[in-house]
Amino acid sequence: MDKAALERRLSRVAGFEDPSVELEQYPTPADLAAHLVHLADVQRDLAGKTVVDLGTGTGVLALGVAFRGPARVLALDRDPAALAQARQNERAVAPDVPVSWLLADATRAPLCVSEDAPSREETTVLMNPPFGAQTGNEHADRAFLATASEIASVSYSIHNAGSRAFVEAFSDDEGGEVTHAFGADLDVERQFAHQSSERAVIDTEVFRIRWE
């Protein structure tokens, strides 16, 4: 399945029925999700790997990954309603590999401890974490990056525009390196009362980080 076909398949993913502004529950558009998955696939970060989607929401990134031959896909979210929608989306999208949907706080690593747990080198993270745009929730994405640095050798993440200096400084402090960075438009429909227009385009930045 090429990137265009993957985008069409991911367009079946339904968004949040009752999104939480506190959790910054904005859906990841199908075109951006397909592009991110395609980049990770080209970099050989998906096939045969355990791929973890931190803060999966309604599951679009996890479901995209599940078409790229991973060993397994784990998708975490703290919102049970979001996970219920994600499970419905899995039935609609019908990925090649089943996704394990986990009710868990993605910012509290380690996520699991067992003898058969994958090594960091065998684990990739894809995520669209909260940007920390809400008062009292500043730098919420920092905790997601911290988890990624603990469990994975590579992570892909979407952040608010203007985050490059922060992401590079954080990854340097944790022994990581930003290997790819690019801007992307996040086109979202009106979801919250404070939004004045029916649609909004949010400027974002996407990063691939190699963690040592």
Protein backbone atom coordinates (compact mmCIF):
# COMPACT_ATOMS: atom_id res chain seq x y z
CA MET A 1 0.00 0.00 0.00
CA ASP A 2 1.56 3.31 -1.09
CA LYS A 3 1.30 6.58 0.81
CA ALA A 4 -1.74 7.83 -1.13
CA ALA A 5 -3.62 4.59 -0.53
CA LEU A 6 -2.70 4.70 3.15
CA GLU A 7 -4.04 8.24 3.42
CA ARG A 8 -7.33 7.12 1.86
CA ARG A 9 -7.59 4.24 4.31
CA LEU A 10 -6.81 6.49 7.29
CA SER A 11 -9.49 8.95 6.18
CA ARG A 12 -11.95 6.40 7.63
CA VAL A 13 -10.67 7.18 11.15
CA ALA A 14 -13.30 9.09 13.13
CA GLY A 15 -12.24 11.84 15.50
CA PHE A 16 -13.17 12.58 19.09
CA GLU A 17 -16.89 12.51 19.89
CA ASP A 18 -16.49 14.80 22.89
CA PRO A 19 -12.93 16.21 22.79
CA SER A 20 -11.28 17.53 25.94
CA VAL A 21 -9.65 20.95 25.72
CA GLU A 22 -7.59 20.15 28.83
CA LEU A 23 -6.11 17.08 27.10
CA GLU A 24 -5.70 19.07 23.85
CA GLN A 25 -7.52 16.39 21.89
CA TYR A 26 -7.05 17.54 18.32
CA PRO A 27 -7.17 14.81 15.66
CA THR A 28 -4.14 14.13 13.47
CA PRO A 29 -5.27 14.57 9.83
CA ALA A 30 -5.00 11.51 7.59
CA ASP A 31 -2.55 13.18 5.19
CA LEU A 32 -0.11 14.12 7.95
CA ALA A 33 -0.43 10.70 9.61
CA ALA A 34 0.25 8.94 6.30
CA HIS A 35 3.27 11.15 5.63
CA LEU A 36 4.72 10.50 9.08
CA VAL A 37 4.23 6.75 8.75
CA HIS A 38 5.75 6.82 5.27
CA LEU A 39 8.85 8.65 6.53
CA ALA A 40 9.29 6.18 9.39
CA ASP A 41 8.90 3.29 6.95
CA VAL A 42 11.50 4.71 4.54
CA GLN A 43 13.90 5.07 7.48
CA ARG A 44 13.32 1.37 8.32
CA ASP A 45 11.98 2.23 11.74
CA LEU A 46 8.74 0.21 11.52
CA ALA A 47 9.07 -3.22 9.91
CA GLY A 48 9.78 -5.88 12.52
CA LYS A 49 9.75 -3.31 15.35
CA THR A 50 7.56 -2.78 18.36
CA VAL A 51 5.93 0.56 17.65
CA VAL A 52 4.38 2.60 20.45
CA ASP A 53 1.91 5.44 19.94
CA LEU A 54 1.96 7.61 23.07
CA GLY A 55 -1.31 9.48 23.58
CA THR A 56 -2.92 7.73 20.64
CA GLY A 57 -6.28 9.52 20.81
CA THR A 58 -8.57 7.84 18.30
CA GLY A 59 -5.70 5.85 16.86
CA VAL A 60 -4.77 7.23 13.45
CA LEU A 61 -0.97 6.91 13.85
CA ALA A 62 -1.15 3.44 15.39
CA LEU A 63 -3.47 2.25 12.63
CA GLY A 64 -1.21 3.68 9.94
CA VAL A 65 1.81 1.91 11.41
CA ALA A 66 -0.12 -1.38 11.46
CA PHE A 67 0.06 -1.47 7.64
CA ARG A 68 3.87 -1.37 7.61
CA GLY A 69 4.84 -4.77 8.97
CA PRO A 70 5.62 -4.04 12.62
CA ALA A 71 6.16 -6.89 15.07
CA ARG A 72 3.44 -5.34 17.22
CA VAL A 73 1.73 -2.00 17.82
CA LEU A 74 0.96 -0.63 21.28
CA ALA A 75 -1.28 2.43 21.54
CA LEU A 76 -1.69 4.21 24.89
CA ASP A 77 -4.12 6.83 26.05
CA ARG A 78 -5.48 7.94 29.42
CA ASP A 79 -8.98 8.63 28.02
CA PRO A 80 -11.21 5.53 27.86
CA ALA A 81 -13.65 7.25 25.49
CA ALA A 82 -10.86 7.92 23.00
CA LEU A 83 -9.75 4.30 23.18
CA ALA A 84 -13.30 3.10 22.61
CA GLN A 85 -13.42 5.18 19.42
CA ALA A 86 -9.98 3.89 18.44
CA ARG A 87 -11.23 0.31 18.67
CA GLN A 88 -14.17 1.20 16.41
CA ASN A 89 -11.74 2.84 14.00
CA GLU A 90 -9.66 -0.33 13.90
CA ARG A 91 -12.70 -2.24 12.68
CA ALA A 92 -13.33 0.39 10.00
CA VAL A 93 -9.73 0.59 8.81
CA ALA A 94 -8.92 -3.17 9.06
CA PRO A 95 -5.12 -2.97 9.43
CA ASP A 96 -2.78 -5.86 8.65
CA VAL A 97 -1.52 -6.13 12.24
CA PRO A 98 -3.86 -5.86 15.25
CA VAL A 99 -3.29 -2.96 17.63
CA SER A 100 -3.09 -3.40 21.41
CA TRP A 101 -5.07 -0.51 22.92
CA LEU A 102 -3.90 0.29 26.45
CA LEU A 103 -5.53 2.57 29.02
CA ALA A 104 -2.42 4.16 30.52
CA ASP A 105 -0.67 7.44 31.22
CA ALA A 106 1.89 7.77 28.43
CA THR A 107 4.07 10.08 30.53
CA ARG A 108 4.80 7.52 33.24
CA ALA A 109 7.58 5.17 32.12
CA PRO A 110 8.50 2.37 32.37
CA LEU A 111 5.37 1.22 30.61
CA CYS A 112 5.95 -2.47 31.25
CA VAL A 113 8.55 -4.74 32.78
CA SER A 114 8.75 -8.35 31.59
CA GLU A 115 11.29 -10.83 30.34
CA ASP A 116 9.94 -10.64 26.78
CA ALA A 117 9.72 -6.84 26.65
CA PRO A 118 11.41 -5.46 23.51
CA SER A 119 14.77 -3.74 23.83
CA ARG A 120 15.05 -0.01 23.19
CA GLU A 121 16.77 -0.78 19.89
CA GLU A 122 13.70 -2.76 18.79
CA THR A 123 11.22 -0.01 19.74
CA THR A 124 10.03 3.04 17.80
CA VAL A 125 7.67 5.74 19.07
CA LEU A 126 5.25 7.71 16.88
CA MET A 127 3.16 10.34 18.61
CA ASN A 128 1.23 13.58 18.38
CA PRO A 129 1.54 14.73 22.01
CA PRO A 130 -0.31 17.68 23.55
CA PHE A 131 1.53 20.88 22.67
CA GLY A 132 1.16 22.42 26.12
CA ALA A 133 -0.85 25.34 24.78
CA GLN A 134 -3.26 25.45 27.72
CA THR A 135 -2.49 27.52 30.82
CA GLY A 136 -1.11 25.24 33.51
CA ASN A 137 -0.17 22.61 30.94
CA GLU A 138 2.88 24.32 29.44
CA HIS A 139 5.51 22.03 27.89
CA ALA A 140 3.23 19.01 28.17
CA ASP A 141 5.12 17.53 25.23
CA ARG A 142 8.30 17.40 27.34
CA ALA A 143 6.97 14.47 29.40
CA PHE A 144 6.10 12.55 26.22
CA LEU A 145 9.60 13.08 24.85
CA ALA A 146 11.02 11.89 28.18
CA THR A 147 9.06 8.65 27.90
CA ALA A 148 10.17 8.18 24.29
CA SER A 149 13.81 8.64 25.31
CA GLU A 150 13.45 5.89 27.93
CA ILE A 151 11.70 3.23 25.88
CA ALA A 152 12.74 3.75 22.24
CA SER A 153 15.77 4.12 20.02
CA VAL A 154 13.87 6.38 17.60
CA SER A 155 10.88 8.66 17.96
CA TYR A 156 8.74 10.72 15.62
CA SER A 157 6.67 13.51 17.14
CA ILE A 158 4.53 16.49 16.14
CA HIS A 159 4.95 19.76 18.02
CA ASN A 160 3.75 23.34 17.90
CA ALA A 161 5.62 25.61 15.47
CA GLY A 162 8.63 27.23 17.07
CA SER A 163 9.55 24.12 19.10
CA ARG A 164 12.79 23.25 17.32
CA ALA A 165 15.14 24.91 19.81
CA PHE A 166 13.38 23.22 22.72
CA VAL A 167 13.29 19.78 21.06
CA GLU A 168 16.94 19.95 20.05
CA ALA A 169 18.02 21.10 23.53
CA PHE A 170 15.96 18.38 25.21
CA SER A 171 17.28 15.64 22.93
CA ASP A 172 20.87 16.84 23.44
CA ASP A 173 20.41 16.70 27.21
CA GLU A 174 19.12 13.12 26.95
CA GLY A 175 21.87 11.95 24.61
CA GLY A 176 19.68 12.07 21.51
CA GLU A 177 19.96 13.75 18.13
CA VAL A 178 17.35 15.35 15.87
CA THR A 179 17.97 13.74 12.47
CA HIS A 180 14.96 15.11 10.55
CA ALA A 181 12.81 18.20 11.04
CA PHE A 182 10.14 19.75 8.85
CA GLY A 183 7.09 21.97 9.07
CA ALA A 184 3.56 20.68 8.52
CA ASP A 185 0.06 22.15 8.52
CA LEU A 186 -2.44 20.57 10.90
CA ASP A 187 -5.85 21.30 9.38
CA VAL A 188 -8.56 20.74 12.00
CA GLU A 189 -12.28 21.36 12.23
CA ARG A 190 -13.81 23.52 14.97
CA GLN A 191 -14.11 21.47 18.17
CA PHE A 192 -14.15 23.88 21.10
CA ALA A 193 -16.24 26.90 22.06
CA HIS A 194 -13.25 29.27 22.12
CA GLN A 195 -12.53 28.63 18.43
CA SER A 196 -13.98 31.39 16.25
CA SER A 197 -13.87 29.68 12.84
CA GLU A 198 -15.19 26.39 11.50
CA ARG A 199 -11.71 25.27 10.45
CA ALA A 200 -8.22 26.20 11.58
CA VAL A 201 -4.76 25.49 10.25
CA ILE A 202 -2.20 25.00 13.01
CA ASP A 203 1.46 25.40 12.10
CA THR A 204 3.42 22.44 13.46
CA GLU A 205 6.90 20.97 13.33
CA VAL A 206 7.72 17.27 13.05
CA PHE A 207 10.91 15.71 14.40
CA ARG A 208 12.70 12.40 14.11
CA ILE A 209 15.01 11.85 17.08
CA ARG A 210 17.59 9.10 17.44
CA TRP A 211 18.02 8.27 21.13
CA GLU A 212 21.26 6.76 22.41
